């Protein structure tokens, strides 16, 4: 069983099909950890600017770079 890389509440960047579309350039919050589909973990994610949640595979998510001080 795969272990999730991200946790609930974490802010991530979502890329659909390997690129960021105009609609997905915002940050997303992980709202739920889902069971793995095949060998890849899945997540429910939510963008503040959208009224719905999305399901994303772990390979579609990236950590946000830390802000420099």
C-alpha atoms as a PDB file:
ATOM      1  CA  UNK A   1       0.000   0.000   0.000  1.00  0.00           C
ATOM      2  CA  UNK A   2       1.360   3.417  -0.986  1.00  0.00           C
ATOM      3  CA  UNK A   3       1.921   6.158   1.559  1.00  0.00           C
ATOM      4  CA  UNK A   4       0.571   9.640   0.795  1.00  0.00           C
ATOM      5  CA  UNK A   5       3.215  12.305   0.128  1.00  0.00           C
ATOM      6  CA  UNK A   6       0.917  15.223   1.018  1.00  0.00           C
ATOM      7  CA  UNK A   7      -1.332  15.742   4.033  1.00  0.00           C
ATOM      8  CA  UNK A   8      -4.765  17.256   4.623  1.00  0.00           C
ATOM      9  CA  UNK A   9      -4.513  21.037   4.838  1.00  0.00           C
ATOM     10  CA  UNK A  10      -1.307  21.239   2.810  1.00  0.00           C
ATOM     11  CA  UNK A  11      -1.200  23.785  -0.030  1.00  0.00           C
ATOM     12  CA  UNK A  12      -0.066  22.344  -3.364  1.00  0.00           C
ATOM     13  CA  UNK A  13       0.200  23.290  -7.036  1.00  0.00           C
ATOM     14  CA  UNK A  14      -1.941  21.241  -9.451  1.00  0.00           C
ATOM     15  CA  UNK A  15      -0.916  20.476 -13.028  1.00  0.00           C
ATOM     16  CA  UNK A  16      -3.396  18.712 -15.284  1.00  0.00           C
ATOM     17  CA  UNK A  17      -1.850  16.599 -18.056  1.00  0.00           C
ATOM     18  CA  UNK A  18       1.609  17.983 -17.310  1.00  0.00           C
ATOM     19  CA  UNK A  19       0.807  21.672 -17.756  1.00  0.00           C
ATOM     20  CA  UNK A  20      -0.931  24.405 -15.828  1.00  0.00           C
ATOM     21  CA  UNK A  21      -4.045  25.702 -17.522  1.00  0.00           C
ATOM     22  CA  UNK A  22      -5.350  29.196 -16.853  1.00  0.00           C
ATOM     23  CA  UNK A  23      -8.008  27.716 -14.560  1.00  0.00           C
ATOM     24  CA  UNK A  24      -5.504  25.828 -12.415  1.00  0.00           C
ATOM     25  CA  UNK A  25      -2.735  28.369 -11.800  1.00  0.00           C
ATOM     26  CA  UNK A  26      -3.949  29.003  -8.280  1.00  0.00           C
ATOM     27  CA  UNK A  27      -2.907  27.151  -5.171  1.00  0.00           C
ATOM     28  CA  UNK A  28      -4.980  24.199  -3.995  1.00  0.00           C
ATOM     29  CA  UNK A  29      -5.575  22.863  -0.488  1.00  0.00           C
ATOM     30  CA  UNK A  30      -5.619  19.115   0.115  1.00  0.00           C
ATOM     31  CA  UNK A  31      -9.032  18.368   1.650  1.00  0.00           C
ATOM     32  CA  UNK A  32      -8.997  14.562   1.790  1.00  0.00           C
ATOM     33  CA  UNK A  33      -6.647  11.631   1.260  1.00  0.00           C
ATOM     34  CA  UNK A  34      -8.130   9.025  -1.062  1.00  0.00           C
ATOM     35  CA  UNK A  35      -7.123   5.393  -1.514  1.00  0.00           C
ATOM     36  CA  UNK A  36      -4.514   4.605  -4.138  1.00  0.00           C
ATOM     37  CA  UNK A  37      -5.789   4.000  -7.655  1.00  0.00           C
ATOM     38  CA  UNK A  38      -3.410   1.341  -8.905  1.00  0.00           C
ATOM     39  CA  UNK A  39      -0.016   2.248  -7.479  1.00  0.00           C
ATOM     40  CA  UNK A  40      -0.614   5.996  -7.162  1.00  0.00           C
ATOM     41  CA  UNK A  41      -2.212   7.842  -4.245  1.00  0.00           C
ATOM     42  CA  UNK A  42      -5.064  10.222  -4.946  1.00  0.00           C
ATOM     43  CA  UNK A  43      -6.315  13.368  -3.211  1.00  0.00           C
ATOM     44  CA  UNK A  44      -9.311  15.661  -3.132  1.00  0.00           C
ATOM     45  CA  UNK A  45      -8.140  19.236  -3.595  1.00  0.00           C
ATOM     46  CA  UNK A  46      -9.927  22.600  -3.470  1.00  0.00           C
ATOM     47  CA  UNK A  47      -9.080  25.999  -4.891  1.00  0.00           C
ATOM     48  CA  UNK A  48     -10.587  28.977  -3.059  1.00  0.00           C
ATOM     49  CA  UNK A  49     -11.722  30.478  -6.383  1.00  0.00           C
ATOM     50  CA  UNK A  50     -13.786  27.457  -7.438  1.00  0.00           C
ATOM     51  CA  UNK A  51     -17.080  26.168  -5.972  1.00  0.00           C
ATOM     52  CA  UNK A  52     -16.096  22.491  -6.357  1.00  0.00           C
ATOM     53  CA  UNK A  53     -13.352  20.045  -5.390  1.00  0.00           C
ATOM     54  CA  UNK A  54     -11.167  18.069  -7.790  1.00  0.00           C
ATOM     55  CA  UNK A  55      -9.609  14.618  -7.587  1.00  0.00           C
ATOM     56  CA  UNK A  56      -5.903  14.602  -8.397  1.00  0.00           C
ATOM     57  CA  UNK A  57      -3.251  11.905  -8.638  1.00  0.00           C
ATOM     58  CA  UNK A  58      -0.063  12.420  -6.663  1.00  0.00           C
ATOM     59  CA  UNK A  59       1.933  12.858  -9.890  1.00  0.00           C
ATOM     60  CA  UNK A  60      -0.239  15.892 -10.732  1.00  0.00           C
ATOM     61  CA  UNK A  61       0.703  17.725  -7.537  1.00  0.00           C
ATOM     62  CA  UNK A  62       3.812  19.648  -6.525  1.00  0.00           C
ATOM     63  CA  UNK A  63       4.894  21.273  -3.297  1.00  0.00           C
ATOM     64  CA  UNK A  64       4.948  25.030  -3.390  1.00  0.00           C
ATOM     65  CA  UNK A  65       8.439  26.488  -3.118  1.00  0.00           C
ATOM     66  CA  UNK A  66       9.205  28.002   0.245  1.00  0.00           C
ATOM     67  CA  UNK A  67       9.076  31.782   0.305  1.00  0.00           C
ATOM     68  CA  UNK A  68      12.494  33.347   0.719  1.00  0.00           C
ATOM     69  CA  UNK A  69      13.022  35.703   3.659  1.00  0.00           C
END
